Amino acid sequence: MARRPKYVGRLKFTKMIIKEIDLKTLRENCVDLMSQSYMELGQRPNKEDVVSFALILATDLKLDFPNLSFEDIKQSFRQGIRNGNEFHLNVQNYYKWIKAHRQIIWDNESKEPQQRDKRLQYRSRYGVGTKTIGNEIKKII
């Protein structure tokens, strides 16, 4: 039996793809995402509504977007809220946001990191200094 990796905190799963995240953790992350999204939209639903909607989101992600990472989902909500014309949160809107963000990912898959859409910067290690640090280490050794 394979050992499960140890993770501290729910948001450490954000780099994992949806189908690899267990349903309980995904639901918890969705509650956090929905709470944040409502706050950013200036809405104040009750806790039961947030949790219910988060459970629907978790199920939708497992069924329809299993190959995206949770970070992709978070970024699609971020872009949808900030750049969209929808000022309320519902299933149609978040599907629109996720599908639009997925299309951006697909359109930029074959491009070099420097040429990718800036909204996908979170997916790249380009520009984080690892190559420079690696070269400096080689000079020392």
Protein backbone atom coordinates (compact mmCIF):
# COMPACT_ATOMS: atom_id res chain seq x y z
CA MET A 1 0.00 0.00 0.00
CA ALA A 2 1.38 3.41 -0.99
CA ARG A 3 2.09 5.91 1.74
CA ARG A 4 0.11 9.09 1.61
CA PRO A 5 2.18 12.26 1.72
CA LYS A 6 1.96 14.31 4.87
CA TYR A 7 0.40 17.71 4.36
CA VAL A 8 0.04 20.47 6.89
CA GLY A 9 -3.08 22.55 6.40
CA ARG A 10 -5.81 22.35 3.83
CA LEU A 11 -4.35 24.78 1.34
CA LYS A 12 -1.22 22.67 0.75
CA PHE A 13 -3.38 20.71 -1.68
CA THR A 14 -3.71 23.64 -4.06
CA LYS A 15 -0.98 22.35 -6.38
CA MET A 16 -2.57 18.89 -6.60
CA ILE A 17 -5.03 18.15 -9.36
CA ILE A 18 -8.65 17.82 -8.28
CA LYS A 19 -8.92 14.08 -8.86
CA GLU A 20 -6.02 13.46 -6.44
CA ILE A 21 -7.59 15.44 -3.58
CA ASP A 22 -9.82 13.49 -1.22
CA LEU A 23 -13.40 14.71 -1.12
CA LYS A 24 -13.32 15.89 2.51
CA THR A 25 -10.29 18.11 1.92
CA LEU A 26 -11.71 19.38 -1.35
CA ARG A 27 -14.95 20.33 0.39
CA GLU A 28 -13.04 22.20 3.11
CA ASN A 29 -11.05 24.09 0.48
CA CYS A 30 -14.26 24.91 -1.39
CA VAL A 31 -15.81 26.36 1.78
CA ASP A 32 -12.76 28.62 2.14
CA LEU A 33 -12.93 29.62 -1.53
CA MET A 34 -16.64 30.34 -1.43
CA SER A 35 -16.30 32.40 1.77
CA GLN A 36 -13.52 34.46 0.22
CA SER A 37 -15.44 34.90 -3.03
CA TYR A 38 -18.57 36.09 -1.27
CA MET A 39 -16.49 38.56 0.72
CA GLU A 40 -14.80 39.88 -2.44
CA LEU A 41 -18.20 40.36 -4.05
CA GLY A 42 -19.49 42.22 -1.00
CA GLN A 43 -22.13 39.61 -0.21
CA ARG A 44 -22.99 38.20 3.21
CA PRO A 45 -24.80 34.87 2.91
CA ASN A 46 -25.40 32.78 6.02
CA LYS A 47 -23.01 29.95 6.89
CA GLU A 48 -25.41 27.22 5.79
CA ASP A 49 -25.65 28.71 2.30
CA VAL A 50 -21.87 28.98 1.98
CA VAL A 51 -21.37 25.36 3.05
CA SER A 52 -24.17 24.07 0.82
CA PHE A 53 -22.83 25.94 -2.18
CA ALA A 54 -19.28 24.75 -1.43
CA LEU A 55 -20.47 21.13 -1.41
CA ILE A 56 -22.04 21.66 -4.83
CA LEU A 57 -18.79 23.22 -6.08
CA ALA A 58 -16.71 20.30 -4.77
CA THR A 59 -18.95 17.79 -6.54
CA ASP A 60 -18.84 19.80 -9.77
CA LEU A 61 -15.05 19.99 -9.64
CA LYS A 62 -14.69 16.24 -9.13
CA LEU A 63 -17.08 15.46 -11.99
CA ASP A 64 -16.31 18.13 -14.59
CA PHE A 65 -12.82 19.52 -13.87
CA PRO A 66 -10.78 16.61 -12.41
CA ASN A 67 -7.57 17.49 -14.28
CA LEU A 68 -7.26 21.09 -13.10
CA SER A 69 -5.43 21.94 -9.89
CA PHE A 70 -7.20 23.64 -7.03
CA GLU A 71 -4.92 26.62 -7.61
CA ASP A 72 -6.34 26.80 -11.17
CA ILE A 73 -9.83 26.94 -9.66
CA LYS A 74 -8.84 29.66 -7.20
CA GLN A 75 -7.32 31.71 -10.00
CA SER A 76 -10.41 31.28 -12.18
CA PHE A 77 -12.58 32.65 -9.35
CA ARG A 78 -10.12 35.50 -8.81
CA GLN A 79 -10.13 36.48 -12.49
CA GLY A 80 -13.89 36.00 -12.81
CA ILE A 81 -14.68 38.22 -9.84
CA ARG A 82 -12.25 40.95 -10.80
CA ASN A 83 -12.75 40.99 -14.57
CA GLY A 84 -16.31 39.77 -15.03
CA ASN A 85 -19.62 41.55 -15.22
CA GLU A 86 -21.35 39.15 -12.84
CA PHE A 87 -21.71 40.54 -9.36
CA HIS A 88 -23.23 37.48 -7.75
CA LEU A 89 -22.05 33.93 -7.25
CA ASN A 90 -23.95 31.07 -8.82
CA VAL A 91 -23.21 27.81 -10.63
CA GLN A 92 -23.49 29.32 -14.11
CA ASN A 93 -21.01 32.08 -13.29
CA TYR A 94 -18.38 29.86 -11.74
CA TYR A 95 -18.65 27.39 -14.63
CA LYS A 96 -18.12 30.30 -17.01
CA TRP A 97 -15.08 31.45 -15.00
CA ILE A 98 -13.52 27.98 -14.76
CA LYS A 99 -14.07 27.19 -18.43
CA ALA A 100 -12.60 30.53 -19.50
CA HIS A 101 -9.54 29.97 -17.32
CA ARG A 102 -9.17 26.38 -18.57
CA GLN A 103 -9.20 27.71 -22.14
CA ILE A 104 -6.41 30.15 -21.27
CA ILE A 105 -4.41 27.22 -19.86
CA TRP A 106 -4.99 25.12 -22.98
CA ASP A 107 -4.13 28.01 -25.31
CA ASN A 108 -0.81 28.57 -23.53
CA GLU A 109 0.35 24.98 -23.01
CA SER A 110 2.75 24.90 -25.94
CA LYS A 111 4.21 28.36 -25.36
CA GLU A 112 7.49 29.12 -23.66
CA PRO A 113 7.12 30.38 -20.06
CA GLN A 114 8.19 33.90 -21.08
CA GLN A 115 5.45 34.05 -23.73
CA ARG A 116 2.58 32.68 -21.64
CA ASP A 117 -0.38 34.74 -20.55
CA LYS A 118 0.54 36.67 -17.40
CA ARG A 119 -2.54 35.26 -15.63
CA LEU A 120 -0.79 31.87 -15.67
CA GLN A 121 2.33 33.07 -13.91
CA TYR A 122 1.36 31.09 -10.80
CA ARG A 123 1.80 27.85 -12.83
CA SER A 124 5.38 28.57 -13.83
CA ARG A 125 8.72 28.46 -12.12
CA TYR A 126 10.00 31.01 -14.66
CA GLY A 127 11.33 34.11 -13.01
CA VAL A 128 11.53 32.72 -9.48
CA GLY A 129 15.32 32.76 -9.44
CA THR A 130 16.01 29.02 -9.22
CA LYS A 131 18.24 29.02 -12.29
CA THR A 132 20.27 31.96 -10.97
CA ILE A 133 20.64 30.32 -7.58
CA GLY A 134 21.65 27.06 -9.26
CA ASN A 135 24.32 28.87 -11.28
CA GLU A 136 25.64 30.59 -8.15
CA ILE A 137 25.90 27.24 -6.38
CA LYS A 138 27.86 25.80 -9.31
CA LYS A 139 30.30 28.74 -9.08
CA ILE A 140 30.90 28.05 -5.40
CA ILE A 141 31.42 24.34 -5.90
